[in-house]
Amino acid sequence: MRPHLNPDRETADLAQLPQPTGVENFRPPILEHNVSRRVSSNSKLVLLTPAEMDSADNLTVSRGANESELMESAGRAVSVAVGTRWLMRPVTVLCGPGNNGGDGFVAARHLADAGWPVKLALLGLRDKLADEAARAACLWSGPIEPFTPNCLDGAGIVVDAIFGSGLSRPVAGPAREMLEALKTRRIPTCAIDVPSGLDGANGNVLGAVAPADLTVTFFRKKPGHLLFPGRGLCGDVVVADIGIQTAVLDVINARTWENGPEIWLDVYPWPEPESYKYERGQVLILGGEAITGASRMTAAAAARAGAGMVTLAAPAKVWSIYAASLLDTIVRSFDSLAEFEALLADVRRNVFAIGPGAGVGPSTRQYVLSALATKRAIVLDADALTSFAEAPEDLFEAIRGPCVLTPHAGEFMRLFHCEGDKLQRTRSAANQCNAVVLLKGPDTVIAAPDGRAIINSNAPAQLATGGSGDVLTGFVAALLAQGMEPFEAAAAAAWLHGAAAEALGLGLVAKDLPDALPRVLQKLKALFDAKDRTVVRPFSCA
């Protein structure tokens, strides 16, 4: 039953709005909870764990590649990167006992051949090196210095080739002493693969790490290059092609990507010449009684991100605040759960957004459960999540349709008790609640219940401001309303959020973000319309 409506309190009534011809057959965009569509496996945005990178190496060798040539290409790439980044000066190359050290021997040789003054120090004994590293060491004709901090004297650049991304235990002994000295001296540093002591799988520090100004990695980035603290320790990351075959990715079947338009641009819901507002989806947002700004920013964001119609359900006591300030949004008042459920009953409202400013408590819990009962798409954020802190299983069991949860770290901890690094925790949470989880932060992770995950890396520091998450909720809701799958909608929204912030620069406040989106979308549409869409060119907000 429809609620009683007071005309003096309503800005618009959907029942009175002009409806498309044949409205009795109208259906909003259908959103299947289908996460089976895979991002291209050979994308340059694929991220490989250290174990997966080992598999890529081994598969390439098994298909006829020469291990020595791969190491030669890696070391040469490092020498080129150093020569491109810095003017010629004395270089100290720190080599470890494994293949990372072998890459260092090759880099030292190429730099010396190019006329650079090179000093090389080895952790361990030369005759203990094995396989390709031993062969690389044999080609080094210069002296090998003792592996002590004294070898850093006079160095203008250091090449860190001590340990690679697969380090499995904390750095200790002479290696740690060297890294601590390098960190103290602040000599410009180029790391090979990752800065020594950094876990390439998750960006965590194992004992000690000396920050690098430049990191040269091979074939594909690793999660540790994007997840903090690793991202802050790698400096600029260069990905070098050393001859590993792209086809090996089809065998590895990696499940992690760096976020970027290449992942979701082909399914982005651009307006079509013959489309009209009802075909672009309708978002219903729950407004709060005490905090009214949050949901208003969500509404503005949803409208800017392309939702055909945005409705805000406002508590009757504060209806006038919403109605007077929202020009692009239909504001409907409600006084009870029954009246809110009447708003949910309109099937044209195919996406709900609940949480920003909603208030924490049993009322918000019930609004969420009623929305979930429709099995239509929903974005849950902020207070909608915290309201289930005492009984998260009630929320998880109620999720039966497309759903995106967008917690920050504190909200995440109230709902989930997962072990492991950020990537592992987000994957585990998505599996536990059977929804896409977008764990916000400077290194936002988006995970689907089937194990796919995306790390967002374009969020500038100025996004750390109150209300920016409310805007993100609106972006996600709008893309869901227009038919994107939850995983891709969350990824696209996170990337657009970061790009809008980058376009604004320093001094932004959250309410600026929706108005910055059109500029970003125009540039993105130009990429989409380009004749050659096989490779998405770098995006710039300039």
Protein backbone atom coordinates (compact mmCIF):
# COMPACT_ATOMS: atom_id res chain seq x y z
CA MET A 1 0.00 0.00 0.00
CA ARG A 2 1.30 3.46 -0.89
CA PRO A 3 1.88 5.82 2.03
CA HIS A 4 -0.28 8.87 2.54
CA LEU A 5 1.42 11.78 0.81
CA ASN A 6 1.14 15.35 1.94
CA PRO A 7 1.38 17.56 -1.19
CA ASP A 8 2.85 20.34 0.90
CA ARG A 9 5.80 18.13 1.74
CA GLU A 10 6.49 16.52 -1.63
CA THR A 11 8.74 17.95 -4.31
CA ALA A 12 7.64 15.26 -6.77
CA ASP A 13 5.77 11.99 -6.88
CA LEU A 14 7.02 9.31 -9.23
CA ALA A 15 3.45 8.26 -9.88
CA GLN A 16 2.75 11.72 -11.32
CA LEU A 17 5.85 11.85 -13.51
CA PRO A 18 5.52 11.29 -17.28
CA GLN A 19 6.19 7.64 -17.97
CA PRO A 20 7.60 6.11 -21.14
CA THR A 21 5.27 4.68 -23.72
CA GLY A 22 4.34 1.13 -22.82
CA VAL A 23 5.23 1.67 -19.18
CA GLU A 24 3.27 -1.42 -18.20
CA ASN A 25 6.06 -3.41 -19.90
CA PHE A 26 8.87 -1.22 -18.58
CA ARG A 27 11.70 -2.87 -16.74
CA PRO A 28 14.76 -1.05 -15.35
CA PRO A 29 18.24 -2.35 -16.23
CA ILE A 30 18.48 -5.95 -15.09
CA LEU A 31 21.38 -6.60 -12.74
CA GLU A 32 22.43 -10.21 -12.41
CA HIS A 33 24.63 -11.18 -9.47
CA ASN A 34 27.05 -12.71 -11.93
CA VAL A 35 30.77 -12.45 -11.28
CA SER A 36 31.86 -15.00 -13.85
CA ARG A 37 32.91 -12.48 -16.52
CA ARG A 38 36.70 -12.37 -16.43
CA VAL A 39 38.98 -9.43 -17.04
CA SER A 40 41.43 -10.10 -19.88
CA SER A 41 44.08 -12.47 -18.54
CA ASN A 42 46.92 -10.94 -20.54
CA SER A 43 46.20 -7.33 -19.56
CA LYS A 44 49.17 -5.24 -18.54
CA LEU A 45 47.16 -4.47 -15.41
CA VAL A 46 47.47 -8.08 -14.21
CA LEU A 47 49.34 -8.32 -10.91
CA LEU A 48 51.42 -11.39 -10.14
CA THR A 49 52.40 -12.66 -6.72
CA PRO A 50 56.03 -13.75 -6.34
CA ALA A 51 54.92 -17.38 -6.69
CA GLU A 52 52.98 -16.58 -9.87
CA MET A 53 55.99 -14.69 -11.23
CA ASP A 54 58.15 -17.77 -10.61
CA SER A 55 55.60 -19.77 -12.58
CA ALA A 56 55.79 -17.25 -15.43
CA ASP A 57 59.59 -17.61 -15.49
CA ASN A 58 59.46 -21.39 -15.42
CA LEU A 59 56.77 -21.64 -18.08
CA THR A 60 58.72 -19.34 -20.37
CA VAL A 61 61.86 -21.43 -19.92
CA SER A 62 59.92 -24.65 -20.48
CA ARG A 63 58.78 -23.24 -23.80
CA GLY A 64 62.31 -22.71 -25.03
CA ALA A 65 63.55 -19.45 -23.53
CA ASN A 66 67.10 -19.29 -22.18
CA GLU A 67 67.43 -18.50 -18.46
CA SER A 68 70.69 -16.66 -18.97
CA GLU A 69 69.10 -14.46 -21.61
CA LEU A 70 66.23 -13.60 -19.28
CA MET A 71 68.70 -12.54 -16.57
CA GLU A 72 70.76 -10.63 -19.12
CA SER A 73 67.65 -8.77 -20.25
CA ALA A 74 66.68 -7.99 -16.66
CA GLY A 75 70.08 -6.59 -15.72
CA ARG A 76 70.28 -4.59 -18.94
CA ALA A 77 66.85 -3.10 -18.24
CA VAL A 78 68.06 -1.98 -14.82
CA SER A 79 71.15 -0.31 -16.29
CA VAL A 80 69.01 1.49 -18.87
CA ALA A 81 66.61 2.68 -16.16
CA VAL A 82 69.48 4.01 -14.05
CA GLY A 83 71.00 5.79 -17.04
CA THR A 84 67.65 7.31 -17.93
CA ARG A 85 66.93 8.50 -14.40
CA TRP A 86 70.29 9.90 -13.29
CA LEU A 87 73.36 11.63 -14.67
CA MET A 88 76.55 9.59 -14.57
CA ARG A 89 78.08 9.28 -11.10
CA PRO A 90 79.67 6.56 -8.92
CA VAL A 91 77.38 3.55 -8.46
CA THR A 92 77.49 0.88 -5.78
CA VAL A 93 75.67 -2.34 -6.67
CA LEU A 94 74.63 -4.48 -3.69
CA CYS A 95 74.20 -8.11 -4.76
CA GLY A 96 72.49 -10.86 -2.82
CA PRO A 97 73.08 -14.61 -3.05
CA GLY A 98 70.17 -15.41 -5.43
CA ASN A 99 68.87 -14.47 -8.83
CA ASN A 100 68.23 -10.91 -7.71
CA GLY A 101 71.94 -10.66 -7.09
CA GLY A 102 72.56 -12.16 -10.54
CA ASP A 103 70.51 -9.35 -12.05
CA GLY A 104 72.72 -6.97 -10.08
CA PHE A 105 75.92 -8.45 -11.56
CA VAL A 106 74.51 -7.97 -15.07
CA ALA A 107 73.43 -4.39 -14.33
CA ALA A 108 76.87 -3.59 -12.90
CA ARG A 109 78.59 -4.94 -16.02
CA HIS A 110 76.42 -2.92 -18.41
CA LEU A 111 76.87 0.26 -16.38
CA ALA A 112 80.64 -0.24 -16.26
CA ASP A 113 80.73 -0.91 -20.02
CA ALA A 114 78.92 2.40 -20.51
CA GLY A 115 81.64 4.21 -18.55
CA TRP A 116 79.98 4.51 -15.16
CA PRO A 117 82.26 4.14 -12.10
CA VAL A 118 80.91 0.94 -10.52
CA LYS A 119 81.63 -0.69 -7.17
CA LEU A 120 80.04 -4.09 -6.42
CA ALA A 121 79.55 -5.76 -3.04
CA LEU A 122 78.30 -9.33 -2.57
CA LEU A 123 76.41 -10.77 0.39
CA GLY A 124 78.12 -14.13 0.83
CA LEU A 125 80.80 -15.89 -1.20
CA ARG A 126 81.09 -15.86 -4.96
CA ASP A 127 81.64 -19.61 -5.16
CA LYS A 128 78.36 -20.18 -3.33
CA LEU A 129 76.33 -18.61 -6.13
CA ALA A 130 74.32 -21.07 -8.18
CA ASP A 131 73.08 -21.46 -11.75
CA GLU A 132 72.39 -18.22 -13.64
CA ALA A 133 73.61 -15.98 -10.81
CA ALA A 134 76.97 -17.80 -10.87
CA ARG A 135 77.19 -17.36 -14.64
CA ALA A 136 76.41 -13.64 -14.33
CA ALA A 137 79.10 -13.28 -11.66
CA CYS A 138 81.65 -14.94 -13.94
CA LEU A 139 81.09 -12.22 -16.52
CA TRP A 140 81.85 -9.48 -14.00
CA SER A 141 85.51 -8.54 -14.38
CA GLY A 142 85.73 -5.98 -11.61
CA PRO A 143 86.58 -6.47 -7.95
CA ILE A 144 84.04 -7.58 -5.38
CA GLU A 145 83.95 -5.46 -2.23
CA PRO A 146 83.22 -6.74 1.29
CA PHE A 147 79.52 -6.47 2.09
CA THR A 148 79.75 -3.79 4.77
CA PRO A 149 78.29 -0.27 5.01
CA ASN A 150 81.74 1.06 4.10
CA CYS A 151 81.07 0.09 0.48
CA LEU A 152 78.51 2.88 0.38
CA ASP A 153 81.21 5.52 0.84
CA GLY A 154 81.37 7.80 -2.16
CA ALA A 155 78.32 6.27 -3.85
CA GLY A 156 76.10 8.65 -5.80
CA ILE A 157 73.61 5.89 -6.62
CA VAL A 158 72.97 2.47 -5.09
CA VAL A 159 71.47 -0.46 -6.98
CA ASP A 160 69.70 -2.66 -4.44
CA ALA A 161 69.92 -6.23 -5.74
CA ILE A 162 70.12 -8.00 -2.39
CA PHE A 163 66.74 -9.76 -2.15
CA GLY A 164 63.81 -10.07 -4.53
CA SER A 165 60.07 -10.09 -3.98
CA GLY A 166 59.89 -13.67 -2.76
CA LEU A 167 61.71 -13.12 0.51
CA SER A 168 60.10 -15.39 3.11
CA ARG A 169 61.71 -14.30 6.38
CA PRO A 170 62.73 -11.04 8.05
CA VAL A 171 66.00 -9.50 6.95
CA ALA A 172 68.71 -9.97 9.56
CA GLY A 173 72.48 -9.86 10.05
CA PRO A 174 74.74 -8.08 7.56
CA ALA A 175 71.86 -7.54 5.13
CA ARG A 176 69.83 -5.66 7.73
CA GLU A 177 72.88 -3.67 8.79
CA MET A 178 73.39 -2.66 5.16
CA LEU A 179 69.75 -1.65 4.65
CA GLU A 180 69.73 0.41 7.84
CA ALA A 181 72.90 2.20 6.71
CA LEU A 182 71.44 2.84 3.27
CA LYS A 183 68.26 4.22 4.82
CA THR A 184 70.27 6.52 7.09
CA ARG A 185 72.50 7.85 4.30
CA ARG A 186 69.59 8.52 1.93
CA ILE A 187 71.61 7.75 -1.19
CA PRO A 188 69.48 7.70 -4.36
CA THR A 189 68.54 4.05 -4.85
CA CYS A 190 67.28 1.85 -7.65
CA ALA A 191 65.75 -1.41 -6.40
CA ILE A 192 65.59 -4.51 -8.56
CA ASP A 193 62.13 -6.12 -8.45
CA VAL A 194 61.29 -4.66 -5.01
CA PRO A 195 63.31 -2.88 -2.34
CA SER A 196 65.06 -5.62 -0.37
CA GLY A 197 63.02 -6.66 2.65
CA LEU A 198 59.66 -5.93 1.01
CA ASP A 199 57.14 -8.74 0.55
CA GLY A 200 56.03 -8.56 -3.07
CA ALA A 201 52.78 -10.35 -2.32
CA ASN A 202 51.39 -7.77 0.08
CA GLY A 203 53.73 -4.79 0.49
CA ASN A 204 54.63 -5.62 4.08
CA VAL A 205 58.09 -5.01 5.50
CA LEU A 206 60.08 -8.06 6.55
CA GLY A 207 62.51 -6.72 9.12
CA ALA A 208 63.93 -3.69 7.36
CA VAL A 209 63.65 -1.87 4.03
CA ALA A 210 65.60 1.01 2.55
CA PRO A 211 63.19 3.16 0.48
CA ALA A 212 63.94 3.27 -3.24
CA ASP A 213 63.59 6.22 -5.57
CA LEU A 214 63.11 3.87 -8.51
CA THR A 215 62.10 0.21 -8.68
CA VAL A 216 62.58 -1.84 -11.84
CA THR A 217 60.40 -4.92 -11.96
CA PHE A 218 59.82 -7.37 -14.79
CA PHE A 219 56.87 -8.46 -16.94
CA ARG A 220 54.10 -7.43 -14.52
CA LYS A 221 53.82 -5.52 -11.24
CA LYS A 222 53.17 -7.31 -7.99
CA PRO A 223 50.56 -6.49 -5.33
CA GLY A 224 53.36 -5.27 -3.07
CA HIS A 225 54.12 -2.45 -5.50
CA LEU A 226 50.62 -1.04 -4.92
CA LEU A 227 49.70 -1.93 -1.33
CA PHE A 228 51.03 0.21 1.50
CA PRO A 229 53.54 0.37 3.04
CA GLY A 230 55.22 -1.11 -0.04
CA ARG A 231 53.82 1.49 -2.40
CA GLY A 232 55.46 4.24 -0.39
CA LEU A 233 58.82 2.43 -0.41
CA CYS A 234 59.14 1.60 -4.12
CA GLY A 235 59.36 5.10 -5.54
CA ASP A 236 58.62 5.19 -9.27
CA VAL A 237 57.98 1.70 -10.65
CA VAL A 238 59.21 0.74 -14.12
CA VAL A 239 57.95 -2.52 -15.63
CA ALA A 240 60.52 -3.93 -18.06
CA ASP A 241 59.88 -6.47 -20.81
CA ILE A 242 62.57 -9.13 -20.57
CA GLY A 243 61.10 -11.70 -22.94
CA ILE A 244 58.61 -13.54 -20.73
CA GLN A 245 55.81 -14.79 -22.94
CA THR A 246 52.41 -13.16 -22.39
CA ALA A 247 50.73 -16.50 -23.16
CA VAL A 248 51.89 -17.89 -19.81
CA LEU A 249 49.22 -15.73 -18.13
CA ASP A 250 46.52 -17.95 -19.59
CA VAL A 251 48.04 -20.85 -17.66
CA ILE A 252 48.65 -18.93 -14.45
CA ASN A 253 45.10 -17.53 -14.40
CA ALA A 254 45.98 -14.61 -12.12
CA ARG A 255 43.08 -13.17 -10.13
CA THR A 256 44.43 -9.75 -9.17
CA TRP A 257 44.62 -6.54 -11.21
CA GLU A 258 45.62 -2.93 -10.85
CA ASN A 259 42.57 -0.77 -11.44
CA GLY A 260 42.32 1.08 -14.72
CA PRO A 261 39.90 1.80 -17.58
CA GLU A 262 41.18 -1.18 -19.56
CA ILE A 263 39.37 -3.44 -17.11
CA TRP A 264 35.87 -1.98 -17.40
CA LEU A 265 35.81 0.60 -20.21
CA ASP A 266 34.21 -1.75 -22.74
CA VAL A 267 31.18 -2.23 -20.47
CA TYR A 268 30.91 1.35 -19.20
CA PRO A 269 27.29 2.55 -19.60
CA TRP A 270 27.65 5.54 -21.90
CA PRO A 271 24.41 7.34 -22.83
CA GLU A 272 22.98 6.09 -26.12
CA PRO A 273 21.33 8.40 -28.68
CA GLU A 274 17.92 6.81 -28.16
CA SER A 275 18.11 6.22 -24.43
CA TYR A 276 15.92 8.05 -21.93
CA LYS A 277 16.04 8.51 -18.19
CA TYR A 278 14.05 5.41 -17.32
CA GLU A 279 16.60 3.25 -19.15
CA ARG A 280 19.47 4.70 -17.15
CA GLY A 281 18.24 3.36 -13.85
CA GLN A 282 16.86 4.90 -10.70
CA VAL A 283 18.67 5.20 -7.38
CA LEU A 284 16.87 5.48 -4.03
CA ILE A 285 19.01 6.91 -1.22
CA LEU A 286 18.14 6.85 2.47
CA GLY A 287 18.61 10.24 4.10
CA GLY A 288 19.46 10.75 7.75
CA GLU A 289 17.70 12.85 10.32
CA ALA A 290 20.67 14.25 12.27
CA ILE A 291 23.31 14.37 9.51
CA THR A 292 21.83 15.59 6.26
CA GLY A 293 24.91 16.51 4.25
CA ALA A 294 26.23 12.98 3.70
CA SER A 295 23.28 11.56 1.78
CA ARG A 296 22.92 14.80 -0.19
CA MET A 297 26.46 14.34 -1.48
CA THR A 298 25.59 10.74 -2.34
CA ALA A 299 22.61 11.99 -4.32
CA ALA A 300 24.65 14.60 -6.18
CA ALA A 301 27.26 11.98 -7.01
CA ALA A 302 24.69 9.49 -8.29
CA ALA A 303 23.18 12.13 -10.56
CA ARG A 304 26.57 13.19 -11.94
CA ALA A 305 27.58 9.57 -12.54
CA GLY A 306 24.65 9.07 -14.89
CA ALA A 307 21.70 7.64 -12.97
CA GLY A 308 18.53 8.42 -14.90
CA MET A 309 16.69 9.48 -11.76
CA VAL A 310 17.71 9.90 -8.14
CA THR A 311 15.26 9.85 -5.24
CA LEU A 312 16.14 10.65 -1.64
CA ALA A 313 13.95 9.29 1.13
CA ALA A 314 14.00 12.01 3.78
CA PRO A 315 12.71 11.68 7.35
CA ALA A 316 9.63 13.88 7.63
CA LYS A 317 11.14 16.08 10.36
CA VAL A 318 13.95 17.27 8.09
CA TRP A 319 12.24 16.94 4.71
CA SER A 320 12.42 20.68 4.08
CA ILE A 321 16.20 20.73 4.46
CA TYR A 322 16.59 18.16 1.73
CA ALA A 323 13.86 19.55 -0.52
CA ALA A 324 15.27 23.09 -0.44
CA SER A 325 18.80 22.05 -1.32
CA LEU A 326 18.47 19.25 -3.88
CA LEU A 327 17.52 20.51 -7.32
CA ASP A 328 18.41 17.38 -9.29
CA THR A 329 16.87 14.89 -6.88
CA ILE A 330 13.30 13.87 -6.08
CA VAL A 331 12.81 14.21 -2.33
CA ARG A 332 10.19 11.94 -0.73
CA SER A 333 9.32 12.11 2.93
CA PHE A 334 8.62 9.11 5.13
CA ASP A 335 7.66 8.67 8.76
CA SER A 336 7.86 4.94 9.31
CA LEU A 337 9.27 1.66 8.10
CA ALA A 338 6.03 1.00 6.24
CA GLU A 339 6.35 4.26 4.33
CA PHE A 340 9.99 3.52 3.48
CA GLU A 341 8.99 0.06 2.26
CA ALA A 342 6.37 1.70 0.05
CA LEU A 343 9.19 3.64 -1.60
CA LEU A 344 11.08 0.39 -2.07
CA ALA A 345 8.04 -1.16 -3.74
CA ASP A 346 8.47 0.86 -6.95
CA VAL A 347 10.36 -1.63 -9.14
CA ARG A 348 11.77 1.15 -11.28
CA ARG A 349 14.03 2.01 -8.37
CA ASN A 350 16.56 -0.68 -9.19
CA VAL A 351 19.36 0.37 -6.84
CA PHE A 352 19.38 1.48 -3.21
CA ALA A 353 22.13 3.32 -1.35
CA ILE A 354 21.98 3.21 2.44
CA GLY A 355 24.46 4.37 5.03
CA PRO A 356 25.78 7.92 4.59
CA GLY A 357 24.40 9.93 7.50
CA ALA A 358 21.72 7.32 8.18
CA GLY A 359 22.49 6.96 11.87
CA VAL A 360 23.56 3.83 13.73
CA GLY A 361 20.83 1.74 15.30
CA PRO A 362 17.93 -0.68 14.90
CA SER A 363 16.01 1.59 12.51
CA THR A 364 18.84 1.66 10.02
CA ARG A 365 19.24 -2.11 10.40
CA GLN A 366 15.61 -2.62 9.49
CA TYR A 367 15.78 -0.26 6.51
CA VAL A 368 18.75 -2.26 5.20
CA LEU A 369 17.00 -5.60 5.71
CA SER A 370 13.88 -4.35 3.95
CA ALA A 371 15.94 -3.14 0.99
CA LEU A 372 17.87 -6.42 0.82
CA ALA A 373 14.61 -8.36 0.85
CA THR A 374 13.77 -6.93 -2.57
CA LYS A 375 16.86 -8.69 -3.98
CA ARG A 376 17.59 -5.59 -6.02
CA ALA A 377 21.06 -4.05 -6.13
CA ILE A 378 22.24 -2.14 -3.08
CA VAL A 379 25.28 -0.20 -1.88
CA LEU A 380 25.89 -0.29 1.86
CA ASP A 381 28.26 2.16 3.52
CA ALA A 382 29.06 3.83 6.81
CA ASP A 383 26.18 3.64 9.33
CA ALA A 384 24.44 0.86 7.40
CA LEU A 385 27.47 -1.34 8.14
CA THR A 386 28.13 -0.22 11.70
CA SER A 387 24.48 -0.88 12.58
CA PHE A 388 25.23 -4.60 12.14
CA ALA A 389 28.43 -4.59 14.22
CA GLU A 390 26.85 -6.71 16.96
CA ALA A 391 25.34 -9.25 14.57
CA PRO A 392 27.11 -9.16 11.20
CA GLU A 393 25.75 -12.58 10.30
CA ASP A 394 22.26 -11.04 10.16
CA LEU A 395 23.49 -8.80 7.37
CA PHE A 396 25.38 -11.51 5.51
CA GLU A 397 22.46 -13.93 5.56
CA ALA A 398 20.13 -11.25 4.17
CA ILE A 399 22.27 -10.56 1.09
CA ARG A 400 20.60 -12.39 -1.78
CA GLY A 401 21.07 -9.97 -4.68
CA PRO A 402 23.75 -7.71 -6.15
CA CYS A 403 25.46 -5.92 -3.29
CA VAL A 404 28.52 -3.72 -2.78
CA LEU A 405 29.84 -2.98 0.70
CA THR A 406 32.17 0.06 0.95
CA PRO A 407 33.70 0.08 4.44
CA HIS A 408 36.72 2.00 5.61
CA ALA A 409 39.17 0.14 7.84
CA GLY A 410 37.26 0.76 11.07
CA GLU A 411 33.90 -0.29 9.66
CA PHE A 412 35.52 -3.34 8.13
CA MET A 413 36.89 -4.45 11.51
CA ARG A 414 33.44 -4.14 13.09
CA LEU A 415 31.94 -6.57 10.60
CA PHE A 416 34.73 -8.96 9.68
CA HIS A 417 37.34 -10.83 11.66
CA CYS A 418 39.65 -11.94 8.87
CA GLU A 419 43.31 -12.88 9.06
CA GLY A 420 46.11 -11.93 6.69
CA ASP A 421 47.13 -8.92 4.65
CA LYS A 422 44.72 -6.39 3.18
CA LEU A 423 44.25 -8.32 -0.05
CA GLN A 424 43.60 -11.58 1.79
CA ARG A 425 41.22 -9.95 4.27
CA THR A 426 39.15 -8.26 1.57
CA ARG A 427 38.88 -11.49 -0.43
CA SER A 428 37.88 -13.41 2.67
CA ALA A 429 35.25 -10.81 3.57
CA ALA A 430 33.72 -10.87 0.07
CA ASN A 431 33.48 -14.63 0.23
CA GLN A 432 31.98 -14.53 3.71
CA CYS A 433 29.21 -12.05 2.91
CA ASN A 434 28.66 -13.09 -0.73
CA ALA A 435 28.99 -9.49 -1.89
CA VAL A 436 31.58 -7.27 -3.51
CA VAL A 437 33.64 -5.58 -0.81
CA LEU A 438 35.40 -2.29 -1.49
CA LEU A 439 37.81 -1.73 1.40
CA LYS A 440 38.63 1.97 1.21
CA GLY A 441 41.99 3.55 1.81
CA PRO A 442 44.98 4.99 -0.06
CA ASP A 443 45.30 1.50 -1.55
CA THR A 444 41.61 0.60 -1.92
CA VAL A 445 41.01 -3.10 -2.59
CA ILE A 446 37.89 -4.35 -4.39
CA ALA A 447 37.15 -8.07 -4.08
CA ALA A 448 34.41 -10.32 -5.46
CA PRO A 449 33.08 -13.47 -3.79
CA ASP A 450 34.73 -15.63 -6.49
CA GLY A 451 38.23 -14.43 -5.53
CA ARG A 452 38.86 -11.75 -8.14
CA ALA A 453 40.46 -8.62 -6.71
CA ILE A 454 41.48 -5.18 -7.93
CA ILE A 455 43.83 -2.72 -6.24
CA ASN A 456 43.11 0.94 -6.90
CA SER A 457 46.22 3.08 -7.16
CA ASN A 458 45.09 6.48 -8.47
CA ALA A 459 43.67 8.00 -5.27
CA PRO A 460 45.60 11.17 -4.34
CA ALA A 461 46.20 12.14 -0.73
CA GLN A 462 43.64 14.96 -0.85
CA LEU A 463 40.83 12.37 -0.93
CA ALA A 464 41.39 11.91 2.81
CA THR A 465 38.60 14.33 3.69
CA GLY A 466 35.22 13.93 5.31
CA GLY A 467 32.42 13.03 2.92
CA SER A 468 34.54 11.63 0.10
CA GLY A 469 33.26 8.15 0.88
CA ASP A 470 29.66 9.38 0.62
CA VAL A 471 30.43 10.55 -2.91
CA LEU A 472 31.98 7.19 -3.77
CA THR A 473 28.76 5.48 -2.63
CA GLY A 474 26.81 7.61 -5.11
CA PHE A 475 29.19 6.77 -7.95
CA VAL A 476 28.88 3.03 -7.28
CA ALA A 477 25.08 3.22 -7.02
CA ALA A 478 24.74 5.10 -10.31
CA LEU A 479 26.87 2.61 -12.23
CA LEU A 480 24.92 -0.30 -10.77
CA ALA A 481 21.67 1.41 -11.76
CA GLN A 482 22.91 1.65 -15.34
CA GLY A 483 23.58 -2.07 -15.54
CA MET A 484 27.23 -2.63 -14.62
CA GLU A 485 28.02 -5.74 -12.62
CA PRO A 486 28.90 -5.04 -8.97
CA PHE A 487 32.61 -5.89 -9.26
CA GLU A 488 33.14 -3.68 -12.30
CA ALA A 489 30.86 -0.92 -10.99
CA ALA A 490 32.87 -0.74 -7.77
CA ALA A 491 36.17 -0.72 -9.68
CA ALA A 492 35.06 1.96 -12.14
CA ALA A 493 33.62 4.11 -9.35
CA ALA A 494 36.83 3.91 -7.30
CA TRP A 495 38.93 4.88 -10.30
CA LEU A 496 36.61 7.77 -11.28
CA HIS A 497 36.68 8.94 -7.67
CA GLY A 498 40.48 9.12 -7.73
CA ALA A 499 40.59 10.74 -11.16
CA ALA A 500 38.13 13.43 -10.10
CA ALA A 501 40.22 14.18 -7.03
CA GLU A 502 43.36 14.37 -9.15
CA ALA A 503 41.65 16.80 -11.52
CA LEU A 504 40.69 19.06 -8.62
CA GLY A 505 44.08 19.04 -6.91
CA LEU A 506 44.86 20.30 -3.44
CA GLY A 507 42.20 22.05 -1.40
CA LEU A 508 39.28 19.91 -2.51
CA VAL A 509 36.33 19.22 -0.26
CA ALA A 510 34.04 16.27 -0.84
CA LYS A 511 31.22 18.26 -2.41
CA ASP A 512 33.61 19.31 -5.20
CA LEU A 513 34.01 15.75 -6.45
CA PRO A 514 30.69 15.26 -8.30
CA ASP A 515 31.18 18.52 -10.21
CA ALA A 516 34.69 17.42 -11.26
CA LEU A 517 33.37 14.17 -12.74
CA PRO A 518 32.17 15.51 -16.13
CA ARG A 519 35.70 16.57 -17.08
CA VAL A 520 36.98 13.11 -16.26
CA LEU A 521 34.15 11.42 -18.16
CA GLN A 522 34.78 13.53 -21.26
CA LYS A 523 38.39 12.37 -21.40
CA LEU A 524 37.36 8.80 -20.71
CA LYS A 525 34.77 8.90 -23.47
CA ALA A 526 37.47 10.10 -25.88
CA LEU A 527 39.45 6.96 -25.07
CA PHE A 528 36.37 4.83 -25.66
CA ASP A 529 35.66 6.47 -29.00
CA ALA A 530 39.22 6.14 -30.27
CA LYS A 531 39.54 3.89 -33.28
CA ASP A 532 42.22 1.71 -31.70
CA ARG A 533 40.75 0.48 -28.41
CA THR A 534 42.93 -2.61 -28.14
CA VAL A 535 45.29 -0.66 -25.89
CA VAL A 536 43.98 2.04 -23.59
CA ARG A 537 46.41 4.96 -23.67
CA PRO A 538 47.52 6.56 -20.38
CA PHE A 539 44.80 8.75 -18.88
CA SER A 540 45.62 12.29 -17.83
CA CYS A 541 43.42 14.77 -16.05
CA ALA A 542 45.58 17.66 -17.28
